[in-house]
């Protein structure tokens, strides 16, 4: 593929390619992890037979009833079938930041400083949200 000579067009093209591939990879991760869970290839933290007894509970009661972690605590259970799908979700949440990281050098090289600063600020906002500093995540 030939890159456009216009720096903004080149950045847009790179962003679009990375977004396209990122969402495809994320979808594959979601399908694979759900399949591993649904077909019981990977043992879940909460067995399917017990799930229906607790899924109508409010979230705080559900977490206590099944021993579900909060926030990034899911990483401790990441190898379990019902938490495996979080990898796809996290990957999809990171795709935008990865796209911005990809276009940042193109924006600086094309002397598009305002767009580069906006991309950096977007990366910072996304990073803050990811680590939960913006509130709401525990």
Protein backbone atom coordinates (compact mmCIF):
# COMPACT_ATOMS: atom_id res chain seq x y z
CA UNK A 1 0.00 0.00 0.00
CA UNK A 2 1.30 3.45 -0.93
CA UNK A 3 1.23 5.96 1.90
CA UNK A 4 -0.32 9.36 1.10
CA UNK A 5 2.11 12.29 0.98
CA UNK A 6 -0.13 14.49 3.12
CA UNK A 7 0.91 13.89 6.77
CA UNK A 8 -2.67 13.98 8.05
CA UNK A 9 -3.86 11.60 5.34
CA UNK A 10 -0.96 9.25 6.16
CA UNK A 11 -1.88 9.35 9.86
CA UNK A 12 -5.55 8.76 9.09
CA UNK A 13 -4.68 5.82 6.85
CA UNK A 14 -2.38 4.27 9.48
CA UNK A 15 -4.99 4.81 12.21
CA UNK A 16 -7.71 3.20 10.08
CA UNK A 17 -5.52 0.15 9.27
CA UNK A 18 -4.58 -0.37 12.91
CA UNK A 19 -8.18 0.12 14.04
CA UNK A 20 -9.39 -2.38 11.44
CA UNK A 21 -6.86 -5.02 12.47
CA UNK A 22 -7.27 -4.29 16.17
CA UNK A 23 -11.01 -4.78 16.09
CA UNK A 24 -10.63 -7.97 14.06
CA UNK A 25 -8.11 -9.37 16.54
CA UNK A 26 -10.33 -8.31 19.46
CA UNK A 27 -13.33 -10.03 17.90
CA UNK A 28 -11.31 -13.22 17.39
CA UNK A 29 -10.18 -13.09 21.03
CA UNK A 30 -13.78 -12.65 22.19
CA UNK A 31 -15.08 -15.51 20.05
CA UNK A 32 -12.24 -17.83 21.09
CA UNK A 33 -12.55 -17.04 24.80
CA UNK A 34 -16.34 -17.35 24.78
CA UNK A 35 -16.07 -20.65 22.94
CA UNK A 36 -13.57 -21.93 25.51
CA UNK A 37 -16.05 -20.98 28.23
CA UNK A 38 -19.27 -22.13 26.55
CA UNK A 39 -17.87 -25.49 25.50
CA UNK A 40 -16.17 -25.91 28.90
CA UNK A 41 -12.71 -26.23 27.36
CA UNK A 42 -11.43 -24.09 30.25
CA UNK A 43 -12.94 -24.56 33.70
CA UNK A 44 -14.88 -21.50 34.92
CA UNK A 45 -14.60 -19.82 38.30
CA UNK A 46 -18.39 -20.07 38.69
CA UNK A 47 -19.70 -23.35 37.25
CA UNK A 48 -22.45 -22.93 34.66
CA UNK A 49 -24.85 -24.97 36.78
CA UNK A 50 -24.50 -22.49 39.67
CA UNK A 51 -24.52 -19.32 37.60
CA UNK A 52 -28.29 -19.07 37.23
CA UNK A 53 -28.71 -19.01 41.02
CA UNK A 54 -26.67 -15.85 41.39
CA UNK A 55 -26.95 -13.79 38.22
CA UNK A 56 -30.10 -11.98 39.38
CA UNK A 57 -28.34 -10.61 42.47
CA UNK A 58 -27.19 -6.98 42.67
CA UNK A 59 -23.53 -6.73 41.71
CA UNK A 60 -22.17 -6.35 45.26
CA UNK A 61 -24.13 -9.39 46.45
CA UNK A 62 -23.12 -11.34 43.33
CA UNK A 63 -19.43 -10.61 43.93
CA UNK A 64 -19.71 -11.89 47.52
CA UNK A 65 -21.77 -14.94 46.55
CA UNK A 66 -19.36 -16.15 43.87
CA UNK A 67 -16.09 -14.73 45.18
CA UNK A 68 -15.68 -12.38 42.22
CA UNK A 69 -12.90 -9.79 42.43
CA UNK A 70 -13.28 -6.07 41.78
CA UNK A 71 -11.29 -3.91 39.39
CA UNK A 72 -8.09 -5.46 38.07
CA UNK A 73 -8.52 -8.38 40.50
CA UNK A 74 -9.84 -10.39 37.55
CA UNK A 75 -6.22 -10.98 36.54
CA UNK A 76 -5.94 -13.50 39.38
CA UNK A 77 -8.72 -15.51 37.72
CA UNK A 78 -7.69 -14.86 34.12
CA UNK A 79 -7.03 -18.53 33.43
CA UNK A 80 -10.63 -19.43 34.33
CA UNK A 81 -13.17 -19.79 31.52
CA UNK A 82 -15.56 -17.10 32.72
CA UNK A 83 -12.75 -14.54 33.08
CA UNK A 84 -10.81 -15.46 29.95
CA UNK A 85 -13.01 -13.17 27.86
CA UNK A 86 -11.67 -10.14 29.75
CA UNK A 87 -8.52 -10.35 27.59
CA UNK A 88 -10.57 -9.61 24.49
CA UNK A 89 -12.40 -6.80 26.25
CA UNK A 90 -9.17 -5.24 27.51
CA UNK A 91 -7.57 -5.60 24.09
CA UNK A 92 -10.52 -3.84 22.44
CA UNK A 93 -10.30 -1.10 25.06
CA UNK A 94 -6.60 -0.63 24.23
CA UNK A 95 -7.02 -0.52 20.45
CA UNK A 96 -7.71 3.21 20.35
CA UNK A 97 -4.64 4.00 22.44
CA UNK A 98 -2.51 1.73 20.24
CA UNK A 99 -3.81 3.52 17.14
CA UNK A 100 -2.90 6.89 18.61
CA UNK A 101 0.55 5.60 19.54
CA UNK A 102 0.98 4.42 15.95
CA UNK A 103 0.12 7.80 14.40
CA UNK A 104 2.01 9.95 16.90
CA UNK A 105 5.39 9.65 15.10
CA UNK A 106 3.68 10.39 11.78
CA UNK A 107 2.10 13.53 13.18
CA UNK A 108 5.41 14.77 14.61
CA UNK A 109 7.29 13.90 11.40
CA UNK A 110 4.68 15.81 9.38
CA UNK A 111 5.01 18.78 11.74
CA UNK A 112 1.37 18.44 12.74
CA UNK A 113 2.13 19.47 16.31
CA UNK A 114 -1.41 20.39 17.35
CA UNK A 115 -2.73 17.00 16.25
CA UNK A 116 0.25 15.29 17.88
CA UNK A 117 -0.45 17.05 21.19
CA UNK A 118 -4.13 16.12 20.96
CA UNK A 119 -3.17 12.48 20.28
CA UNK A 120 -0.82 12.53 23.30
CA UNK A 121 -3.56 13.99 25.50
CA UNK A 122 -5.96 11.30 24.30
CA UNK A 123 -3.38 8.64 25.19
CA UNK A 124 -3.01 10.16 28.67
CA UNK A 125 -6.80 10.23 29.19
CA UNK A 126 -7.09 6.61 28.07
CA UNK A 127 -4.18 5.57 30.31
CA UNK A 128 -5.80 7.26 33.31
CA UNK A 129 -9.06 5.48 32.57
CA UNK A 130 -7.27 2.15 32.18
CA UNK A 131 -5.60 2.31 35.57
CA UNK A 132 -8.79 3.53 37.20
CA UNK A 133 -7.58 6.90 38.47
CA UNK A 134 -10.63 8.65 37.06
CA UNK A 135 -12.85 7.12 39.73
CA UNK A 136 -15.48 4.45 39.54
CA UNK A 137 -13.03 1.54 39.24
CA UNK A 138 -11.77 -0.24 42.34
